[in-house]
Amino acid sequence: QVQLVESGGGSVQTGGSLKLTCAVSGIADLFPSFDVGWYRQPAGEAREFVARLDGGVGFVSSPVYENSVKGRFTISRDNDRGTVYLQMERLVPEDTGLYSCNVRDIGSSYWGRGTQVTVSS
């Protein structure tokens, strides 16, 4: 039973920072090989890609970001703890949305329920 639980969301003003955490359980030793990512869904809009960090044993992948968050967001992972992080800095109102964590391998994809991020002017 694979479960993803996001935390760390909240309400901040423009220019503020937040760090999101995704706790993954049920994958155990397979977690390092899974690709991980963050997506967000503004109210009334479709879910969009934010950041991705591919898995691999003995390999450190380079993160990939949506253009609007480059230089402001940082995705990372701790394979020993089974966690995924998203450090968000210099937040703007356009970053507002429900942020969801995703982990996937060749045959499976898992999602958390998400954590809300609201950025006010």
Protein backbone atom coordinates (compact mmCIF):
# COMPACT_ATOMS: atom_id res chain seq x y z
CA GLN A 1 0.00 0.00 0.00
CA VAL A 2 1.75 3.10 -1.28
CA GLN A 3 0.86 6.39 0.37
CA LEU A 4 2.04 9.93 -0.20
CA VAL A 5 1.37 12.66 2.35
CA GLU A 6 2.25 16.27 1.59
CA SER A 7 2.79 18.93 4.22
CA GLY A 8 4.25 22.39 4.60
CA GLY A 9 1.70 24.44 2.69
CA GLY A 10 0.21 27.63 4.02
CA SER A 11 -0.49 31.28 3.36
CA VAL A 12 2.34 33.72 2.74
CA GLN A 13 2.81 37.15 1.28
CA THR A 14 4.55 37.91 -1.97
CA GLY A 15 8.28 37.34 -1.58
CA GLY A 16 7.87 34.76 1.15
CA SER A 17 9.14 31.20 1.30
CA LEU A 18 7.72 27.76 2.01
CA LYS A 19 9.16 24.26 2.08
CA LEU A 20 6.90 21.40 1.11
CA THR A 21 7.51 17.84 2.24
CA CYS A 22 6.17 14.64 0.73
CA ALA A 23 6.42 11.56 2.92
CA VAL A 24 6.32 8.33 0.92
CA SER A 25 5.51 4.95 2.45
CA GLY A 26 4.92 1.48 1.07
CA ILE A 27 7.74 1.50 -1.48
CA ALA A 28 10.64 0.74 0.86
CA ASP A 29 13.87 -0.11 -0.98
CA LEU A 30 12.29 0.62 -4.36
CA PHE A 31 11.96 4.34 -3.68
CA PRO A 32 15.43 5.37 -4.96
CA SER A 33 14.56 4.11 -8.45
CA PHE A 34 11.28 6.04 -8.63
CA ASP A 35 10.97 9.34 -10.42
CA VAL A 36 9.53 12.07 -8.18
CA GLY A 37 7.83 15.32 -8.97
CA TRP A 38 5.63 18.17 -7.84
CA TYR A 39 2.55 19.48 -9.60
CA ARG A 40 0.15 22.28 -8.75
CA GLN A 41 -3.45 23.04 -9.56
CA PRO A 42 -4.76 26.60 -9.27
CA ALA A 43 -8.43 26.90 -8.39
CA GLY A 44 -10.59 26.21 -11.41
CA GLU A 45 -7.63 25.27 -13.59
CA ALA A 46 -5.88 22.11 -14.73
CA ARG A 47 -3.00 20.57 -12.87
CA GLU A 48 0.38 21.67 -14.17
CA PHE A 49 3.94 20.46 -13.90
CA VAL A 50 6.23 22.22 -11.43
CA ALA A 51 9.37 20.16 -10.88
CA ARG A 52 10.77 16.69 -11.50
CA LEU A 53 13.74 14.70 -10.22
CA ASP A 54 14.30 11.31 -11.79
CA GLY A 55 15.33 8.27 -9.79
CA GLY A 56 18.23 5.92 -10.26
CA VAL A 57 20.56 3.83 -8.14
CA GLY A 58 24.10 5.16 -8.19
CA PHE A 59 23.06 8.14 -10.26
CA VAL A 60 22.31 11.74 -9.33
CA SER A 61 19.84 13.20 -11.78
CA SER A 62 19.44 16.84 -12.68
CA PRO A 63 16.15 18.49 -11.71
CA VAL A 64 13.76 19.83 -14.30
CA TYR A 65 11.54 22.85 -13.60
CA GLU A 66 8.66 24.67 -15.16
CA ASN A 67 9.98 27.91 -16.59
CA SER A 68 8.19 30.26 -14.22
CA VAL A 69 9.72 28.65 -11.12
CA LYS A 70 13.30 28.29 -12.34
CA GLY A 71 15.70 29.97 -9.96
CA ARG A 72 13.07 30.15 -7.23
CA PHE A 73 12.08 26.53 -6.53
CA THR A 74 14.34 23.61 -5.64
CA ILE A 75 13.27 19.97 -5.66
CA SER A 76 15.23 17.43 -3.66
CA ARG A 77 14.84 13.97 -2.20
CA ASP A 78 16.11 11.91 0.70
CA ASN A 79 16.05 8.27 -0.31
CA ASP A 80 16.90 7.03 3.18
CA ARG A 81 13.93 8.85 4.67
CA GLY A 82 11.62 8.27 1.73
CA THR A 83 10.84 11.95 1.37
CA VAL A 84 10.60 14.52 -1.40
CA TYR A 85 10.98 18.25 -0.83
CA LEU A 86 10.15 21.43 -2.66
CA GLN A 87 11.84 24.59 -1.41
CA MET A 88 9.95 27.61 -2.71
CA GLU A 89 11.38 31.11 -2.50
CA ARG A 90 10.35 34.56 -3.68
CA LEU A 91 6.77 33.39 -4.01
CA VAL A 92 4.29 35.32 -6.12
CA PRO A 93 0.47 35.14 -6.27
CA GLU A 94 0.69 33.09 -9.47
CA ASP A 95 2.26 30.30 -7.42
CA THR A 96 -1.04 29.81 -5.57
CA GLY A 97 -2.51 26.34 -5.93
CA LEU A 98 -2.87 22.86 -4.54
CA TYR A 99 0.57 21.27 -4.66
CA SER A 100 0.66 17.50 -5.11
CA CYS A 101 3.52 15.06 -4.92
CA ASN A 102 3.96 12.30 -7.49
CA VAL A 103 6.19 9.22 -7.53
CA ARG A 104 6.33 6.83 -10.46
CA ASP A 105 8.16 3.93 -12.03
CA ILE A 106 7.64 2.18 -15.34
CA GLY A 107 4.35 0.58 -14.37
CA SER A 108 2.94 2.66 -11.53
CA SER A 109 2.19 6.24 -10.59
CA TYR A 110 1.11 7.50 -7.18
CA TRP A 111 -0.31 10.79 -5.96
CA GLY A 112 -0.85 12.46 -2.64
CA ARG A 113 -3.90 14.54 -1.74
CA GLY A 114 -1.92 17.75 -1.91
CA THR A 115 -1.15 20.71 0.30
CA GLN A 116 -2.53 24.19 -0.34
CA VAL A 117 -0.22 27.12 -1.03
CA THR A 118 -1.70 30.60 -1.08
CA VAL A 119 0.36 33.66 -1.89
CA SER A 120 -1.19 37.08 -1.32
CA SER A 121 -0.13 40.45 -2.67
